[in-house]
C-alpha atoms as a PDB file:
ATOM      1  CA  MET A   1      72.364 181.341 -84.872  1.00  0.00           C
ATOM      2  CA  HIS A   2      70.161 181.424 -87.541  1.00  0.00           C
ATOM      3  CA  GLU A   3      70.876 184.659 -88.707  1.00  0.00           C
ATOM      4  CA  PHE A   4      74.841 184.167 -89.130  1.00  0.00           C
ATOM      5  CA  GLU A   5      73.608 180.673 -91.209  1.00  0.00           C
ATOM      6  CA  THR A   6      71.961 183.664 -94.186  1.00  0.00           C
ATOM      7  CA  TYR A   7      74.895 185.569 -93.648  1.00  0.00           C
ATOM      8  CA  GLN A   8      77.259 182.964 -94.439  1.00  0.00           C
ATOM      9  CA  LEU A   9      74.787 181.161 -97.500  1.00  0.00           C
ATOM     10  CA  THR A  10      74.301 185.059 -98.793  1.00  0.00           C
ATOM     11  CA  VAL A  11      78.163 185.420 -98.647  1.00  0.00           C
ATOM     12  CA  ILE A  12      78.393 181.716-100.484  1.00  0.00           C
ATOM     13  CA  ALA A  13      75.733 182.910-102.948  1.00  0.00           C
ATOM     14  CA  VAL A  14      77.421 186.007-103.829  1.00  0.00           C
ATOM     15  CA  GLY A  15      81.206 184.346-104.889  1.00  0.00           C
ATOM     16  CA  ALA A  16      79.033 181.800-106.543  1.00  0.00           C
ATOM     17  CA  ILE A  17      77.663 184.604-108.931  1.00  0.00           C
ATOM     18  CA  ALA A  18      80.485 186.608-109.315  1.00  0.00           C
ATOM     19  CA  PHE A  19      82.773 183.573-109.688  1.00  0.00           C
ATOM     20  CA  GLY A  20      80.160 182.423-112.557  1.00  0.00           C
ATOM     21  CA  VAL A  21      79.786 185.910-114.298  1.00  0.00           C
ATOM     22  CA  TYR A  22      83.900 185.914-114.750  1.00  0.00           C
ATOM     23  CA  LEU A  23      83.547 182.517-116.262  1.00  0.00           C
ATOM     24  CA  LEU A  24      80.681 183.290-118.216  1.00  0.00           C
ATOM     25  CA  VAL A  25      82.577 186.457-119.609  1.00  0.00           C
ATOM     26  CA  LYS A  26      85.994 184.144-119.983  1.00  0.00           C
ATOM     27  CA  GLY A  27      83.927 181.794-121.493  1.00  0.00           C
ATOM     28  CA  GLY A  28      82.201 183.856-124.301  1.00  0.00           C
ATOM     29  CA  ASP A  29      85.625 185.333-125.386  1.00  0.00           C
ATOM     30  CA  TRP A  30      87.103 181.600-125.294  1.00  0.00           C
ATOM     31  CA  THR A  31      84.143 180.637-127.613  1.00  0.00           C
ATOM     32  CA  VAL A  32      83.995 183.253-130.337  1.00  0.00           C
ATOM     33  CA  ASP A  33      87.752 183.973-130.796  1.00  0.00           C
ATOM     34  CA  ASN A  34      88.647 180.363-131.297  1.00  0.00           C
ATOM     35  CA  ALA A  35      85.339 179.674-132.957  1.00  0.00           C
ATOM     36  CA  ILE A  36      86.892 182.003-135.972  1.00  0.00           C
ATOM     37  CA  ILE A  37      89.820 180.499-136.018  1.00  0.00           C
ATOM     38  CA  VAL A  38      88.368 176.977-136.412  1.00  0.00           C
ATOM     39  CA  ALA A  39      86.109 178.329-139.477  1.00  0.00           C
ATOM     40  CA  GLU A  40      89.386 180.068-140.966  1.00  0.00           C
ATOM     41  CA  ARG A  41      91.345 177.303-141.153  1.00  0.00           C
ATOM     42  CA  ALA A  42      88.966 174.761-141.893  1.00  0.00           C
ATOM     43  CA  GLY A  43      87.414 176.916-144.979  1.00  0.00           C
ATOM     44  CA  LEU A  44      84.143 176.914-142.880  1.00  0.00           C
ATOM     45  CA  SER A  45      82.396 180.210-142.672  1.00  0.00           C
ATOM     46  CA  LYS A  46      81.654 181.370-138.940  1.00  0.00           C
ATOM     47  CA  PHE A  47      77.929 181.258-139.944  1.00  0.00           C
ATOM     48  CA  PHE A  48      78.502 177.359-139.820  1.00  0.00           C
ATOM     49  CA  ILE A  49      80.575 177.242-137.112  1.00  0.00           C
ATOM     50  CA  ALA A  50      78.212 179.097-134.946  1.00  0.00           C
ATOM     51  CA  ALA A  51      74.559 177.589-136.192  1.00  0.00           C
ATOM     52  CA  THR A  52      76.315 174.012-135.544  1.00  0.00           C
ATOM     53  CA  ILE A  53      78.692 173.677-132.897  1.00  0.00           C
ATOM     54  CA  VAL A  54      78.021 176.437-130.585  1.00  0.00           C
ATOM     55  CA  ALA A  55      74.664 176.977-131.412  1.00  0.00           C
ATOM     56  CA  PHE A  56      74.686 173.074-130.059  1.00  0.00           C
ATOM     57  CA  GLY A  57      77.018 173.632-127.322  1.00  0.00           C
ATOM     58  CA  THR A  58      75.227 176.467-125.949  1.00  0.00           C
ATOM     59  CA  SER A  59      72.463 175.099-126.184  1.00  0.00           C
ATOM     60  CA  ALA A  60      73.024 171.899-123.504  1.00  0.00           C
ATOM     61  CA  PRO A  61      72.018 173.554-120.682  1.00  0.00           C
ATOM     62  CA  GLU A  62      68.159 173.328-122.154  1.00  0.00           C
ATOM     63  CA  LEU A  63      68.532 170.017-123.612  1.00  0.00           C
ATOM     64  CA  PHE A  64      70.195 168.263-119.875  1.00  0.00           C
ATOM     65  CA  THR A  65      67.276 170.444-117.892  1.00  0.00           C
ATOM     66  CA  SER A  66      64.387 169.834-120.150  1.00  0.00           C
ATOM     67  CA  MET A  67      65.260 166.136-120.649  1.00  0.00           C
ATOM     68  CA  ASN A  68      65.799 165.100-116.830  1.00  0.00           C
ATOM     69  CA  ALA A  69      62.501 167.633-116.132  1.00  0.00           C
ATOM     70  CA  ASN A  70      60.647 165.129-118.605  1.00  0.00           C
ATOM     71  CA  LEU A  71      61.997 161.825-117.227  1.00  0.00           C
ATOM     72  CA  THR A  72      61.119 162.870-113.774  1.00  0.00           C
ATOM     73  CA  GLY A  73      57.635 163.692-114.244  1.00  0.00           C
ATOM     74  CA  TYR A  74      57.394 167.341-115.571  1.00  0.00           C
ATOM     75  CA  PRO A  75      56.867 167.537-118.786  1.00  0.00           C
ATOM     76  CA  GLY A  76      55.536 171.238-118.560  1.00  0.00           C
ATOM     77  CA  ILE A  77      59.200 171.863-117.351  1.00  0.00           C
ATOM     78  CA  SER A  78      60.450 170.464-120.491  1.00  0.00           C
ATOM     79  CA  VAL A  79      57.793 171.996-123.105  1.00  0.00           C
ATOM     80  CA  GLY A  80      58.079 175.661-121.469  1.00  0.00           C
ATOM     81  CA  ASN A  81      62.495 175.314-121.211  1.00  0.00           C
ATOM     82  CA  VAL A  82      62.042 175.225-125.179  1.00  0.00           C
ATOM     83  CA  ILE A  83      59.461 177.750-125.477  1.00  0.00           C
ATOM     84  CA  GLY A  84      60.500 179.986-122.971  1.00  0.00           C
ATOM     85  CA  SER A  85      64.274 179.716-124.488  1.00  0.00           C
ATOM     86  CA  ASN A  86      63.638 180.527-127.979  1.00  0.00           C
ATOM     87  CA  ILE A  87      62.085 183.343-126.298  1.00  0.00           C
ATOM     88  CA  ALA A  88      64.768 184.852-124.939  1.00  0.00           C
ATOM     89  CA  ASN A  89      67.296 184.125-127.600  1.00  0.00           C
ATOM     90  CA  VAL A  90      65.607 186.848-129.923  1.00  0.00           C
ATOM     91  CA  LEU A  91      63.795 189.017-127.003  1.00  0.00           C
ATOM     92  CA  LEU A  92      66.707 189.466-125.033  1.00  0.00           C
ATOM     93  CA  VAL A  93      70.091 187.831-126.249  1.00  0.00           C
ATOM     94  CA  VAL A  94      69.420 189.466-130.244  1.00  0.00           C
ATOM     95  CA  ALA A  95      68.056 192.698-128.171  1.00  0.00           C
ATOM     96  CA  VAL A  96      70.985 193.002-125.807  1.00  0.00           C
ATOM     97  CA  SER A  97      73.551 192.191-128.531  1.00  0.00           C
ATOM     98  CA  ALA A  98      71.681 194.729-131.080  1.00  0.00           C
ATOM     99  CA  MET A  99      71.762 197.754-128.528  1.00  0.00           C
ATOM    100  CA  ILE A 100      75.898 197.115-127.875  1.00  0.00           C
ATOM    101  CA  ALA A 101      75.949 197.126-131.751  1.00  0.00           C
ATOM    102  CA  PRO A 102      73.815 196.961-134.346  1.00  0.00           C
ATOM    103  CA  LEU A 103      73.202 193.372-136.299  1.00  0.00           C
ATOM    104  CA  VAL A 104      74.013 193.657-140.014  1.00  0.00           C
ATOM    105  CA  PHE A 105      73.852 190.832-141.978  1.00  0.00           C
ATOM    106  CA  ASP A 106      73.451 188.921-145.184  1.00  0.00           C
ATOM    107  CA  HIS A 107      69.591 187.910-145.522  1.00  0.00           C
ATOM    108  CA  LYS A 108      70.353 185.909-149.035  1.00  0.00           C
ATOM    109  CA  ALA A 109      73.043 183.952-146.614  1.00  0.00           C
ATOM    110  CA  ALA A 110      70.415 183.344-144.323  1.00  0.00           C
ATOM    111  CA  ARG A 111      67.095 182.226-145.771  1.00  0.00           C
ATOM    112  CA  VAL A 112      67.609 178.094-145.963  1.00  0.00           C
ATOM    113  CA  ASP A 113      68.779 178.537-142.249  1.00  0.00           C
ATOM    114  CA  THR A 114      65.738 180.899-141.610  1.00  0.00           C
ATOM    115  CA  LEU A 115      63.328 179.105-143.182  1.00  0.00           C
ATOM    116  CA  VAL A 116      64.746 175.933-140.951  1.00  0.00           C
ATOM    117  CA  MET A 117      63.568 177.188-138.172  1.00  0.00           C
ATOM    118  CA  VAL A 118      60.534 178.241-139.106  1.00  0.00           C
ATOM    119  CA  GLY A 119      59.704 174.833-140.729  1.00  0.00           C
ATOM    120  CA  ALA A 120      61.122 173.601-136.584  1.00  0.00           C
ATOM    121  CA  THR A 121      58.724 175.973-134.811  1.00  0.00           C
ATOM    122  CA  VAL A 122      55.588 174.441-136.832  1.00  0.00           C
ATOM    123  CA  ALA A 123      56.078 170.995-136.291  1.00  0.00           C
ATOM    124  CA  MET A 124      56.307 172.509-132.668  1.00  0.00           C
ATOM    125  CA  VAL A 125      53.186 174.073-133.209  1.00  0.00           C
ATOM    126  CA  VAL A 126      51.597 170.735-134.237  1.00  0.00           C
ATOM    127  CA  ALA A 127      52.993 168.393-130.953  1.00  0.00           C
ATOM    128  CA  ILE A 128      51.837 171.323-128.905  1.00  0.00           C
ATOM    129  CA  LEU A 129      48.451 171.557-130.481  1.00  0.00           C
ATOM    130  CA  ALA A 130      47.900 167.200-130.812  1.00  0.00           C
ATOM    131  CA  GLY A 131      48.877 167.355-126.931  1.00  0.00           C
ATOM    132  CA  LEU A 132      52.216 164.717-127.405  1.00  0.00           C
ATOM    133  CA  LEU A 133      55.212 164.685-129.085  1.00  0.00           C
ATOM    134  CA  PRO A 134      55.811 160.754-128.794  1.00  0.00           C
ATOM    135  CA  ARG A 135      59.134 159.347-129.534  1.00  0.00           C
ATOM    136  CA  TRP A 136      58.770 158.645-133.483  1.00  0.00           C
ATOM    137  CA  GLY A 137      58.075 161.966-133.452  1.00  0.00           C
ATOM    138  CA  GLY A 138      61.217 162.946-131.412  1.00  0.00           C
ATOM    139  CA  PHE A 139      63.365 160.329-133.969  1.00  0.00           C
ATOM    140  CA  LEU A 140      62.087 162.143-137.447  1.00  0.00           C
ATOM    141  CA  MET A 141      63.166 165.059-135.531  1.00  0.00           C
ATOM    142  CA  VAL A 142      66.613 164.257-134.904  1.00  0.00           C
ATOM    143  CA  VAL A 143      66.616 163.201-138.624  1.00  0.00           C
ATOM    144  CA  ALA A 144      66.154 166.735-139.076  1.00  0.00           C
ATOM    145  CA  ILE A 145      68.687 168.095-137.622  1.00  0.00           C
ATOM    146  CA  VAL A 146      71.153 166.178-138.970  1.00  0.00           C
ATOM    147  CA  LEU A 147      70.100 166.471-142.359  1.00  0.00           C
ATOM    148  CA  TYR A 148      70.234 170.331-141.867  1.00  0.00           C
ATOM    149  CA  ILE A 149      74.143 169.910-139.829  1.00  0.00           C
ATOM    150  CA  ILE A 150      74.884 168.189-143.349  1.00  0.00           C
ATOM    151  CA  TYR A 151      73.238 170.853-145.402  1.00  0.00           C
ATOM    152  CA  GLN A 152      75.002 173.491-143.244  1.00  0.00           C
ATOM    153  CA  TYR A 153      78.308 171.901-144.199  1.00  0.00           C
ATOM    154  CA  LYS A 154      77.733 171.810-148.103  1.00  0.00           C
ATOM    155  CA  ALA A 155      76.511 175.151-147.653  1.00  0.00           C
ATOM    156  CA  HIS A 156      79.172 177.031-145.831  1.00  0.00           C
ATOM    157  CA  LYS A 157      81.999 174.907-146.796  1.00  0.00           C
ATOM    158  CA  LEU A 158      84.041 177.736-148.560  1.00  0.00           C
ATOM    159  CA  ASP A 159      86.892 177.273-151.415  1.00  0.00           C
ATOM    160  CA  VAL A 160      89.652 179.192-150.041  1.00  0.00           C
ATOM    161  CA  PRO A 161      93.659 179.010-150.627  1.00  0.00           C
ATOM    162  CA  GLU A 162      95.922 177.022-147.420  1.00  0.00           C
ATOM    163  CA  SER A 163      97.138 179.918-145.646  1.00  0.00           C
ATOM    164  CA  ASP A 164     100.650 180.175-143.962  1.00  0.00           C
ATOM    165  CA  GLU A 165      98.584 183.195-141.814  1.00  0.00           C
ATOM    166  CA  ASP A 166      99.844 182.901-138.588  1.00  0.00           C
ATOM    167  CA  TYR A 167      97.152 182.250-135.786  1.00  0.00           C
ATOM    168  CA  SER A 168      99.654 182.721-132.889  1.00  0.00           C
ATOM    169  CA  GLU A 169      97.713 185.524-131.109  1.00  0.00           C
ATOM    170  CA  GLY A 170      95.315 184.682-128.998  1.00  0.00           C
ATOM    171  CA  GLU A 171      94.759 181.995-125.963  1.00  0.00           C
ATOM    172  CA  GLY A 172      94.149 178.596-127.599  1.00  0.00           C
ATOM    173  CA  ALA A 173      95.608 180.099-130.914  1.00  0.00           C
ATOM    174  CA  LYS A 174      97.559 176.409-131.483  1.00  0.00           C
ATOM    175  CA  ALA A 175      94.566 174.255-130.036  1.00  0.00           C
ATOM    176  CA  PRO A 176      91.941 176.736-131.175  1.00  0.00           C
ATOM    177  CA  GLY A 177      89.037 173.373-132.043  1.00  0.00           C
ATOM    178  CA  LEU A 178      90.064 172.278-127.673  1.00  0.00           C
ATOM    179  CA  MET A 179      89.985 176.441-126.808  1.00  0.00           C
ATOM    180  CA  LEU A 180      86.448 176.397-128.605  1.00  0.00           C
ATOM    181  CA  VAL A 181      85.607 173.177-126.840  1.00  0.00           C
ATOM    182  CA  VAL A 182      87.129 174.780-123.562  1.00  0.00           C
ATOM    183  CA  GLY A 183      84.701 177.857-123.726  1.00  0.00           C
ATOM    184  CA  ILE A 184      81.327 176.273-124.208  1.00  0.00           C
ATOM    185  CA  GLY A 185      82.282 173.547-121.429  1.00  0.00           C
ATOM    186  CA  THR A 186      83.331 177.219-119.363  1.00  0.00           C
ATOM    187  CA  LEU A 187      79.843 178.949-120.909  1.00  0.00           C
ATOM    188  CA  LEU A 188      78.166 175.840-119.082  1.00  0.00           C
ATOM    189  CA  VAL A 189      79.847 175.896-115.726  1.00  0.00           C
ATOM    190  CA  GLY A 190      79.733 179.395-115.721  1.00  0.00           C
ATOM    191  CA  SER A 191      75.526 179.670-116.123  1.00  0.00           C
ATOM    192  CA  GLU A 192      75.731 176.483-113.765  1.00  0.00           C
ATOM    193  CA  ILE A 193      77.504 178.198-110.875  1.00  0.00           C
ATOM    194  CA  LEU A 194      75.544 181.701-111.442  1.00  0.00           C
ATOM    195  CA  VAL A 195      72.240 180.037-110.937  1.00  0.00           C
ATOM    196  CA  GLN A 196      73.371 177.684-108.249  1.00  0.00           C
ATOM    197  CA  GLY A 197      74.540 180.513-106.541  1.00  0.00           C
ATOM    198  CA  ALA A 198      71.129 183.079-107.355  1.00  0.00           C
ATOM    199  CA  VAL A 199      69.175 180.281-106.098  1.00  0.00           C
ATOM    200  CA  ALA A 200      70.973 179.573-102.276  1.00  0.00           C
ATOM    201  CA  GLY A 201      71.057 183.715-102.242  1.00  0.00           C
ATOM    202  CA  GLY A 202      67.099 183.822-102.959  1.00  0.00           C
ATOM    203  CA  VAL A 203      66.493 181.304-100.373  1.00  0.00           C
ATOM    204  CA  ALA A 204      68.745 182.899 -97.792  1.00  0.00           C
ATOM    205  CA  LEU A 205      66.635 186.153 -98.161  1.00  0.00           C
ATOM    206  CA  GLY A 206      63.395 184.247 -97.778  1.00  0.00           C
ATOM    207  CA  VAL A 207      62.263 184.539-102.332  1.00  0.00           C
ATOM    208  CA  PRO A 208      59.629 182.175-102.947  1.00  0.00           C
ATOM    209  CA  GLU A 209      60.520 178.341-104.902  1.00  0.00           C
ATOM    210  CA  ALA A 210      58.229 179.247-107.701  1.00  0.00           C
ATOM    211  CA  VAL A 211      59.747 183.600-107.970  1.00  0.00           C
ATOM    212  CA  ILE A 212      63.368 181.948-108.242  1.00  0.00           C
ATOM    213  CA  GLY A 213      62.163 179.184-110.622  1.00  0.00           C
ATOM    214  CA  MET A 214      60.945 181.501-112.621  1.00  0.00           C
ATOM    215  CA  THR A 215      63.311 184.145-113.846  1.00  0.00           C
ATOM    216  CA  MET A 216      66.726 182.475-112.465  1.00  0.00           C
ATOM    217  CA  ILE A 217      66.459 178.936-113.542  1.00  0.00           C
ATOM    218  CA  ALA A 218      64.675 179.842-116.808  1.00  0.00           C
ATOM    219  CA  PHE A 219      67.250 182.992-117.572  1.00  0.00           C
ATOM    220  CA  GLY A 220      70.363 180.696-115.941  1.00  0.00           C
ATOM    221  CA  THR A 221      69.749 178.446-119.310  1.00  0.00           C
ATOM    222  CA  SER A 222      69.959 181.098-121.854  1.00  0.00           C
ATOM    223  CA  LEU A 223      73.063 182.714-120.022  1.00  0.00           C
ATOM    224  CA  PRO A 224      75.555 180.548-122.758  1.00  0.00           C
ATOM    225  CA  GLU A 225      74.129 182.247-125.332  1.00  0.00           C
ATOM    226  CA  LEU A 226      73.678 185.848-124.133  1.00  0.00           C
ATOM    227  CA  THR A 227      77.396 185.216-122.885  1.00  0.00           C
ATOM    228  CA  ALA A 228      78.881 184.522-126.474  1.00  0.00           C
ATOM    229  CA  CYS A 229      76.497 186.980-128.292  1.00  0.00           C
ATOM    230  CA  VAL A 230      77.446 189.412-126.205  1.00  0.00           C
ATOM    231  CA  ALA A 231      81.192 189.029-126.785  1.00  0.00           C
ATOM    232  CA  ALA A 232      80.333 188.220-130.329  1.00  0.00           C
ATOM    233  CA  ALA A 233      78.937 191.986-130.542  1.00  0.00           C
ATOM    234  CA  ARG A 234      81.581 193.507-129.196  1.00  0.00           C
ATOM    235  CA  LYS A 235      83.588 192.156-131.605  1.00  0.00           C
ATOM    236  CA  ASN A 236      81.595 193.302-134.146  1.00  0.00           C
ATOM    237  CA  HIS A 237      80.710 189.958-135.512  1.00  0.00           C
ATOM    238  CA  SER A 238      77.140 189.789-136.450  1.00  0.00           C
ATOM    239  CA  ASP A 239      77.124 186.761-138.515  1.00  0.00           C
ATOM    240  CA  LEU A 240      78.371 184.701-135.007  1.00  0.00           C
ATOM    241  CA  ILE A 241      75.885 186.317-133.218  1.00  0.00           C
ATOM    242  CA  ILE A 242      72.752 185.313-136.383  1.00  0.00           C
ATOM    243  CA  GLY A 243      74.401 182.240-136.885  1.00  0.00           C
ATOM    244  CA  GLY A 244      74.041 181.240-132.965  1.00  0.00           C
ATOM    245  CA  ILE A 245      70.540 182.486-132.556  1.00  0.00           C
ATOM    246  CA  VAL A 246      68.666 180.672-135.455  1.00  0.00           C
ATOM    247  CA  GLY A 247      70.822 177.330-134.529  1.00  0.00           C
ATOM    248  CA  SER A 248      70.105 177.409-131.531  1.00  0.00           C
ATOM    249  CA  ASN A 249      66.548 177.754-132.221  1.00  0.00           C
ATOM    250  CA  ILE A 250      66.670 175.018-134.322  1.00  0.00           C
ATOM    251  CA  PHE A 251      68.075 172.463-131.666  1.00  0.00           C
ATOM    252  CA  ASN A 252      66.387 173.613-128.741  1.00  0.00           C
ATOM    253  CA  ILE A 253      63.407 172.122-130.356  1.00  0.00           C
ATOM    254  CA  LEU A 254      64.607 169.401-133.318  1.00  0.00           C
ATOM    255  CA  SER A 255      67.645 168.166-130.033  1.00  0.00           C
ATOM    256  CA  VAL A 256      66.362 169.109-127.294  1.00  0.00           C
ATOM    257  CA  MET A 257      62.522 168.497-127.752  1.00  0.00           C
ATOM    258  CA  ALA A 258      63.542 165.453-129.461  1.00  0.00           C
ATOM    259  CA  PHE A 259      65.477 163.610-127.045  1.00  0.00           C
ATOM    260  CA  SER A 260      62.848 164.433-124.186  1.00  0.00           C
ATOM    261  CA  ALA A 261      60.580 162.588-126.325  1.00  0.00           C
ATOM    262  CA  ILE A 262      62.780 159.717-127.647  1.00  0.00           C
ATOM    263  CA  ALA A 263      63.782 159.226-123.510  1.00  0.00           C
ATOM    264  CA  LYS A 264      60.296 159.183-122.990  1.00  0.00           C
ATOM    265  CA  PRO A 265      56.916 160.728-124.758  1.00  0.00           C
ATOM    266  CA  LEU A 266      56.095 164.140-124.006  1.00  0.00           C
ATOM    267  CA  VAL A 267      53.080 165.209-122.883  1.00  0.00           C
ATOM    268  CA  ILE A 268      52.231 168.551-123.879  1.00  0.00           C
ATOM    269  CA  ASN A 269      49.906 170.639-121.402  1.00  0.00           C
ATOM    270  CA  SER A 270      47.079 172.374-122.788  1.00  0.00           C
ATOM    271  CA  ARG A 271      48.113 175.657-121.480  1.00  0.00           C
ATOM    272  CA  PHE A 272      50.872 176.388-123.676  1.00  0.00           C
ATOM    273  CA  ILE A 273      48.271 176.900-126.383  1.00  0.00           C
ATOM    274  CA  SER A 274      46.712 180.472-124.766  1.00  0.00           C
ATOM    275  CA  PHE A 275      49.590 182.317-124.517  1.00  0.00           C
ATOM    276  CA  ASP A 276      53.142 181.358-125.106  1.00  0.00           C
ATOM    277  CA  MET A 277      52.586 179.436-128.361  1.00  0.00           C
ATOM    278  CA  PRO A 278      51.058 182.332-129.991  1.00  0.00           C
ATOM    279  CA  VAL A 279      53.953 184.312-127.926  1.00  0.00           C
ATOM    280  CA  VAL A 280      57.188 182.162-130.092  1.00  0.00           C
ATOM    281  CA  VAL A 281      55.393 181.775-132.977  1.00  0.00           C
ATOM    282  CA  ALA A 282      55.104 185.698-132.936  1.00  0.00           C
ATOM    283  CA  VAL A 283      58.772 186.171-131.822  1.00  0.00           C
ATOM    284  CA  THR A 284      60.095 183.934-134.618  1.00  0.00           C
ATOM    285  CA  MET A 285      57.878 185.409-137.403  1.00  0.00           C
ATOM    286  CA  LEU A 286      59.313 188.629-136.565  1.00  0.00           C
ATOM    287  CA  PHE A 287      63.040 187.555-135.994  1.00  0.00           C
ATOM    288  CA  ALA A 288      62.054 185.532-139.514  1.00  0.00           C
ATOM    289  CA  PHE A 289      61.072 188.563-141.430  1.00  0.00           C
ATOM    290  CA  SER A 290      63.849 190.805-139.618  1.00  0.00           C
ATOM    291  CA  LEU A 291      66.310 187.497-141.649  1.00  0.00           C
ATOM    292  CA  LEU A 292      64.222 187.603-144.936  1.00  0.00           C
ATOM    293  CA  PHE A 293      63.493 190.871-145.719  1.00  0.00           C
ATOM    294  CA  VAL A 294      65.688 193.851-143.424  1.00  0.00           C
ATOM    295  CA  GLY A 295      68.907 192.694-143.327  1.00  0.00           C
ATOM    296  CA  LYS A 296      69.680 194.527-140.106  1.00  0.00           C
ATOM    297  CA  ILE A 297      68.510 195.200-136.271  1.00  0.00           C
ATOM    298  CA  GLY A 298      69.613 198.219-134.977  1.00  0.00           C
ATOM    299  CA  ARG A 299      69.945 199.380-131.660  1.00  0.00           C
ATOM    300  CA  VAL A 300      66.261 201.226-130.909  1.00  0.00           C
ATOM    301  CA  THR A 301      64.941 197.754-132.296  1.00  0.00           C
ATOM    302  CA  GLY A 302      66.806 195.705-129.769  1.00  0.00           C
ATOM    303  CA  ALA A 303      65.689 198.236-127.353  1.00  0.00           C
ATOM    304  CA  ALA A 304      61.819 198.052-128.522  1.00  0.00           C
ATOM    305  CA  MET A 305      63.064 194.472-128.381  1.00  0.00           C
ATOM    306  CA  ALA A 306      63.822 194.064-124.548  1.00  0.00           C
ATOM    307  CA  ILE A 307      60.974 195.893-123.615  1.00  0.00           C
ATOM    308  CA  GLY A 308      58.768 193.159-125.260  1.00  0.00           C
ATOM    309  CA  TYR A 309      60.683 190.324-122.910  1.00  0.00           C
ATOM    310  CA  LEU A 310      60.245 192.375-119.858  1.00  0.00           C
ATOM    311  CA  LEU A 311      56.317 192.557-120.908  1.00  0.00           C
ATOM    312  CA  PHE A 312      56.167 188.567-121.518  1.00  0.00           C
ATOM    313  CA  LEU A 313      58.067 188.096-118.330  1.00  0.00           C
ATOM    314  CA  GLY A 314      55.755 190.586-116.325  1.00  0.00           C
ATOM    315  CA  VAL A 315      52.205 188.491-117.822  1.00  0.00           C
ATOM    316  CA  GLN A 316      53.955 185.459-116.896  1.00  0.00           C
ATOM    317  CA  PHE A 317      54.143 186.309-113.253  1.00  0.00           C
ATOM    318  CA  PHE A 318      50.767 188.563-112.965  1.00  0.00           C
ATOM    319  CA  VAL A 319      48.300 187.677-115.416  1.00  0.00           C
ATOM    320  CA  VAL A 320      49.140 184.255-116.531  1.00  0.00           C
END
């Protein structure tokens, strides 16, 4: 009887994983296609749409996970989720995107955004070293993210003449704003279904809960960014990828950590100082160097970054 129940649970888990993957693929396509249409119709750059609307939307899993973890007495999960997500965004999402299609971008256009990302990372480091992010610190971060969005809007507003170009092609072209929201929502639902399916499958197969949490749960909150960026890479939209990742890393710190601290002062375990903090700083600085001075991330670099992410996971499992 027990074996039959395990079989049923496994079948349901596989179905959930398959359906989650389908939703992620569709959501990624809808998000990218309609983000481009919204940017063109509103006279805004694709970088702005990616770094604000798409970045905030795809960071929603981190926000919900971190706030809930902190409120229920697990601040370590809250902080670790932000750090792990920022590392995964660069070493996994950017890496996979670059392996699909080399990322070429204007390093001057992303200069201020890159510096804001570095500044946000410095603020996070200060909080980690202090062992606490108080409510007032969270409020200051929220003010910073609001100012950043205002800057983004003014800096990326394009002076383009009104066009009679027909955008009737493609799904949701008549209501791209709505379909952009639907696309982001589909990403979030798809990632949740996939993660829950993986957890159920792991339980059915006897995989330890700690291993499930360290792998699928942490990876799952980065799935929306990964799927959206892979869809953008397939369509050769490097600016959407770079904007999305820079924006996501900024939002993870200045909104996810911030709102978690506003809900309840965020107590930060000193264990993050020895390994995780140096890694996220090194990854962020290397990414910032590429954005500021290189202007390209090729397939070889992407492969090296992906290997770095696997090593990071290995160290988490066997050393830390």
